[in-house]
Amino acid sequence: MNQIRSLSHRLIFLTLLLATALPATAVTSLDQTFPVNLSRNERLLLEQAVCGQKYGVAVAEIDARAFEEHASNANYADVKCRPHARLKDKPIYYVAQCAIHDKQWSCGQAELEMLVTLKERELVVRPGIVEPNLAYETMQKISTYGYFQAKSLDTALQSTCNIGMGNKPDLIEISCKRWSVTVSFWCPKTTEKLACPRVIFMTEHL
């Protein structure tokens, strides 16, 4: 398995895009992709690299994509492992993104992913280094707050959300598609009853 190298997602795509000299249309929008069927050997390779070798679980799903329509070979693949645990009766599993160059697949570090039950839907969340139970409860709670400075939290909390620690121990940074939300667990004592944890910052990336 020496052909599997652990790279970050951004480095994988940067290397792939530069090395293959993709057209400008492909560079400007990675959303314009097309499904591709992998060979059995490729599927087994990615299963072992992402799920089996380190975590001892089988693959659940591999979504292979190409940047050009009707391409015979994929450019990258999203790999989802079978659940290895459950939280609030919802599965926890690993996901990773892999890219291919010169017929060699390279996969980024696998990340935890889980489903958070909101009022009328489920939210896909990657807790990062935040403890999964804390991440779950935080997302579930702030989803009930409605609005922050006239901005809808329901609109902002759209799959997939990535969570990380802020620059202070009491802060959590949440990134969901086009929105960033900062949550603080430090709640000052006032005469007014405040929701805690509290949303202290929210912005849309246009």
Protein backbone atom coordinates (compact mmCIF):
# COMPACT_ATOMS: atom_id res chain seq x y z
CA MET A 1 0.00 0.00 0.00
CA ASN A 2 2.97 2.33 -0.40
CA GLN A 3 1.07 4.06 -3.20
CA ILE A 4 -1.36 5.47 -0.64
CA ARG A 5 0.01 8.64 0.82
CA SER A 6 -1.67 10.66 3.50
CA LEU A 7 -2.22 14.20 2.21
CA SER A 8 -4.51 17.00 3.20
CA HIS A 9 -7.56 17.62 1.02
CA ARG A 10 -6.35 20.94 -0.26
CA LEU A 11 -2.91 19.68 -1.14
CA ILE A 12 -4.41 16.73 -3.01
CA PHE A 13 -6.54 18.96 -5.18
CA LEU A 14 -3.86 21.61 -5.66
CA THR A 15 -1.38 18.97 -6.82
CA LEU A 16 -3.96 17.30 -9.02
CA LEU A 17 -5.14 20.49 -10.66
CA LEU A 18 -1.66 21.80 -11.37
CA ALA A 19 -0.23 18.49 -12.50
CA THR A 20 -3.01 17.63 -14.91
CA ALA A 21 -3.44 21.19 -16.27
CA LEU A 22 -7.20 21.02 -16.08
CA PRO A 23 -9.28 23.47 -18.10
CA ALA A 24 -10.17 26.75 -16.43
CA THR A 25 -13.81 25.70 -16.17
CA ALA A 26 -12.82 22.72 -14.06
CA VAL A 27 -10.53 24.79 -11.86
CA THR A 28 -13.12 27.45 -11.13
CA SER A 29 -15.87 25.01 -10.17
CA LEU A 30 -15.21 21.61 -8.63
CA ASP A 31 -18.99 21.26 -8.31
CA GLN A 32 -19.26 20.53 -12.04
CA THR A 33 -18.37 16.86 -11.82
CA PHE A 34 -19.70 13.63 -13.26
CA PRO A 35 -20.06 10.13 -11.74
CA VAL A 36 -17.62 7.41 -12.80
CA ASN A 37 -17.61 3.67 -12.10
CA LEU A 38 -14.43 2.43 -10.45
CA SER A 39 -12.89 -0.95 -11.15
CA ARG A 40 -13.13 -3.64 -8.49
CA ASN A 41 -9.42 -3.31 -7.75
CA GLU A 42 -9.74 0.46 -7.29
CA ARG A 43 -12.66 0.03 -4.91
CA LEU A 44 -10.75 -2.56 -2.87
CA LEU A 45 -7.70 -0.29 -2.81
CA LEU A 46 -9.65 2.71 -1.51
CA GLU A 47 -11.58 0.59 0.98
CA GLN A 48 -8.37 -0.73 2.48
CA ALA A 49 -6.61 2.65 2.43
CA VAL A 50 -9.40 4.62 4.13
CA CYS A 51 -11.41 2.12 6.16
CA GLY A 52 -9.73 -1.25 6.59
CA GLN A 53 -6.07 -0.66 7.23
CA LYS A 54 -6.45 1.77 10.14
CA TYR A 55 -10.00 1.30 11.43
CA GLY A 56 -10.81 -2.30 10.58
CA VAL A 57 -14.18 -1.55 8.96
CA ALA A 58 -15.54 -2.08 5.47
CA VAL A 59 -16.47 0.66 3.03
CA ALA A 60 -20.10 1.79 2.86
CA GLU A 61 -20.01 3.99 -0.21
CA ILE A 62 -17.54 5.35 -2.77
CA ASP A 63 -18.61 8.31 -4.88
CA ALA A 64 -16.09 8.59 -7.71
CA ARG A 65 -16.18 11.69 -9.91
CA ALA A 66 -14.56 13.09 -13.04
CA PHE A 67 -14.20 16.71 -14.12
CA GLU A 68 -15.22 15.88 -17.69
CA GLU A 69 -18.47 14.33 -18.85
CA HIS A 70 -18.29 10.76 -20.20
CA ALA A 71 -14.77 10.33 -18.80
CA SER A 72 -13.62 6.73 -18.45
CA ASN A 73 -11.48 7.41 -15.38
CA ALA A 74 -12.22 9.28 -12.16
CA ASN A 75 -10.29 12.31 -10.90
CA TYR A 76 -11.27 11.92 -7.26
CA ALA A 77 -13.51 9.90 -4.95
CA ASP A 78 -15.33 10.50 -1.68
CA VAL A 79 -15.02 7.40 0.50
CA LYS A 80 -17.46 6.66 3.31
CA CYS A 81 -16.80 3.84 5.78
CA ARG A 82 -19.38 1.74 7.55
CA PRO A 83 -20.39 2.99 11.03
CA HIS A 84 -18.15 1.95 13.90
CA ALA A 85 -20.18 3.58 16.69
CA ARG A 86 -23.48 5.32 17.40
CA LEU A 87 -24.40 8.56 19.18
CA LYS A 88 -27.99 9.42 20.10
CA ASP A 89 -28.94 6.36 18.05
CA LYS A 90 -27.26 7.88 14.96
CA PRO A 91 -24.22 6.39 13.19
CA ILE A 92 -20.66 7.68 13.49
CA TYR A 93 -18.31 6.78 10.66
CA TYR A 94 -15.16 7.88 8.86
CA VAL A 95 -14.99 9.71 5.53
CA ALA A 96 -12.05 10.70 3.36
CA GLN A 97 -11.40 12.21 -0.05
CA CYS A 98 -8.98 10.58 -2.47
CA ALA A 99 -7.51 11.79 -5.75
CA ILE A 100 -5.64 10.01 -8.53
CA HIS A 101 -2.58 11.14 -10.48
CA ASP A 102 -0.34 9.05 -12.72
CA LYS A 103 -2.60 6.06 -11.94
CA GLN A 104 -1.86 6.32 -8.22
CA TRP A 105 -4.53 7.07 -5.63
CA SER A 106 -3.72 9.37 -2.70
CA CYS A 107 -6.11 9.83 0.22
CA GLY A 108 -6.45 12.61 2.75
CA GLN A 109 -6.72 11.86 6.44
CA ALA A 110 -10.05 10.28 7.33
CA GLU A 111 -12.44 12.41 9.39
CA LEU A 112 -15.25 11.50 11.74
CA GLU A 113 -18.72 12.25 10.41
CA MET A 114 -22.07 11.96 12.17
CA LEU A 115 -25.73 12.83 11.78
CA VAL A 116 -27.36 15.38 14.09
CA THR A 117 -31.13 15.30 14.41
CA LEU A 118 -32.66 18.76 14.13
CA LYS A 119 -36.35 19.62 14.38
CA GLU A 120 -37.32 18.68 10.83
CA ARG A 121 -34.17 17.24 9.28
CA GLU A 122 -30.78 15.65 9.82
CA LEU A 123 -27.55 17.60 9.60
CA VAL A 124 -24.26 16.03 8.50
CA VAL A 125 -21.53 17.16 10.90
CA ARG A 126 -17.77 16.57 11.09
CA PRO A 127 -16.76 17.28 14.71
CA GLY A 128 -13.01 17.41 14.12
CA ILE A 129 -11.15 17.55 17.43
CA VAL A 130 -14.32 18.52 19.31
CA GLU A 131 -15.75 15.68 21.40
CA PRO A 132 -18.64 14.20 19.36
CA ASN A 133 -21.22 14.42 22.14
CA LEU A 134 -20.40 18.10 22.74
CA ALA A 135 -20.55 18.79 19.00
CA TYR A 136 -23.91 17.02 18.72
CA GLU A 137 -25.51 18.89 21.62
CA THR A 138 -24.11 22.23 20.45
CA MET A 139 -25.46 21.89 16.92
CA GLN A 140 -28.81 20.65 18.13
CA LYS A 141 -29.19 23.48 20.64
CA ILE A 142 -28.15 26.44 18.48
CA SER A 143 -30.47 25.20 15.72
CA THR A 144 -33.37 26.15 18.00
CA TYR A 145 -32.23 29.77 18.44
CA GLY A 146 -33.93 31.00 15.27
CA TYR A 147 -31.98 34.12 14.34
CA PHE A 148 -28.75 35.87 15.24
CA GLN A 149 -28.66 39.55 14.29
CA ALA A 150 -31.47 38.97 11.78
CA LYS A 151 -29.61 36.05 10.17
CA SER A 152 -31.32 32.65 10.08
CA LEU A 153 -29.40 29.88 11.80
CA ASP A 154 -31.56 27.31 10.04
CA THR A 155 -30.34 28.68 6.72
CA ALA A 156 -26.72 28.64 7.87
CA LEU A 157 -26.76 25.11 9.29
CA GLN A 158 -26.69 23.11 6.07
CA SER A 159 -24.77 19.90 5.43
CA THR A 160 -21.90 19.42 5.63
CA CYS A 161 -20.79 21.34 8.75
CA ASN A 162 -17.17 21.21 9.96
CA ILE A 163 -16.39 22.04 13.58
CA GLY A 164 -13.11 23.23 15.07
CA MET A 165 -11.83 24.87 18.23
CA GLY A 166 -11.58 28.64 18.26
CA ASN A 167 -8.67 30.79 19.43
CA LYS A 168 -9.93 30.53 23.02
CA PRO A 169 -10.85 27.37 24.97
CA ASP A 170 -14.51 28.38 25.26
CA LEU A 171 -15.00 28.95 21.52
CA ILE A 172 -16.14 26.58 18.78
CA GLU A 173 -15.94 27.52 15.11
CA ILE A 174 -18.56 26.05 12.78
CA SER A 175 -18.29 26.14 8.99
CA CYS A 176 -21.29 25.03 6.91
CA LYS A 177 -20.99 25.55 3.16
CA ARG A 178 -21.26 29.36 2.77
CA TRP A 179 -21.68 30.23 6.45
CA SER A 180 -19.37 30.54 9.45
CA VAL A 181 -20.71 30.57 13.00
CA THR A 182 -18.78 31.14 16.24
CA VAL A 183 -20.23 29.70 19.45
CA SER A 184 -19.10 30.63 22.96
CA PHE A 185 -19.57 28.53 26.09
CA TRP A 186 -18.79 31.50 28.30
CA CYS A 187 -22.13 32.99 29.25
CA PRO A 188 -22.13 36.10 31.47
CA LYS A 189 -24.56 36.26 34.36
CA THR A 190 -27.16 38.92 33.67
CA THR A 191 -30.70 39.61 34.74
CA GLU A 192 -31.79 38.58 31.28
CA LYS A 193 -32.04 34.86 30.65
CA LEU A 194 -29.59 34.06 27.87
CA ALA A 195 -29.29 30.88 25.89
CA CYS A 196 -26.02 29.06 26.53
CA PRO A 197 -23.90 28.22 24.61
CA ARG A 198 -24.43 31.45 22.72
CA VAL A 199 -23.82 32.46 19.14
CA ILE A 200 -21.47 35.45 19.12
CA PHE A 201 -20.58 35.74 15.43
CA MET A 202 -22.09 34.70 12.12
CA THR A 203 -21.20 35.57 8.55
CA GLU A 204 -21.95 34.45 5.01
CA HIS A 205 -19.15 33.91 2.48
CA LEU A 206 -20.33 35.41 -0.77
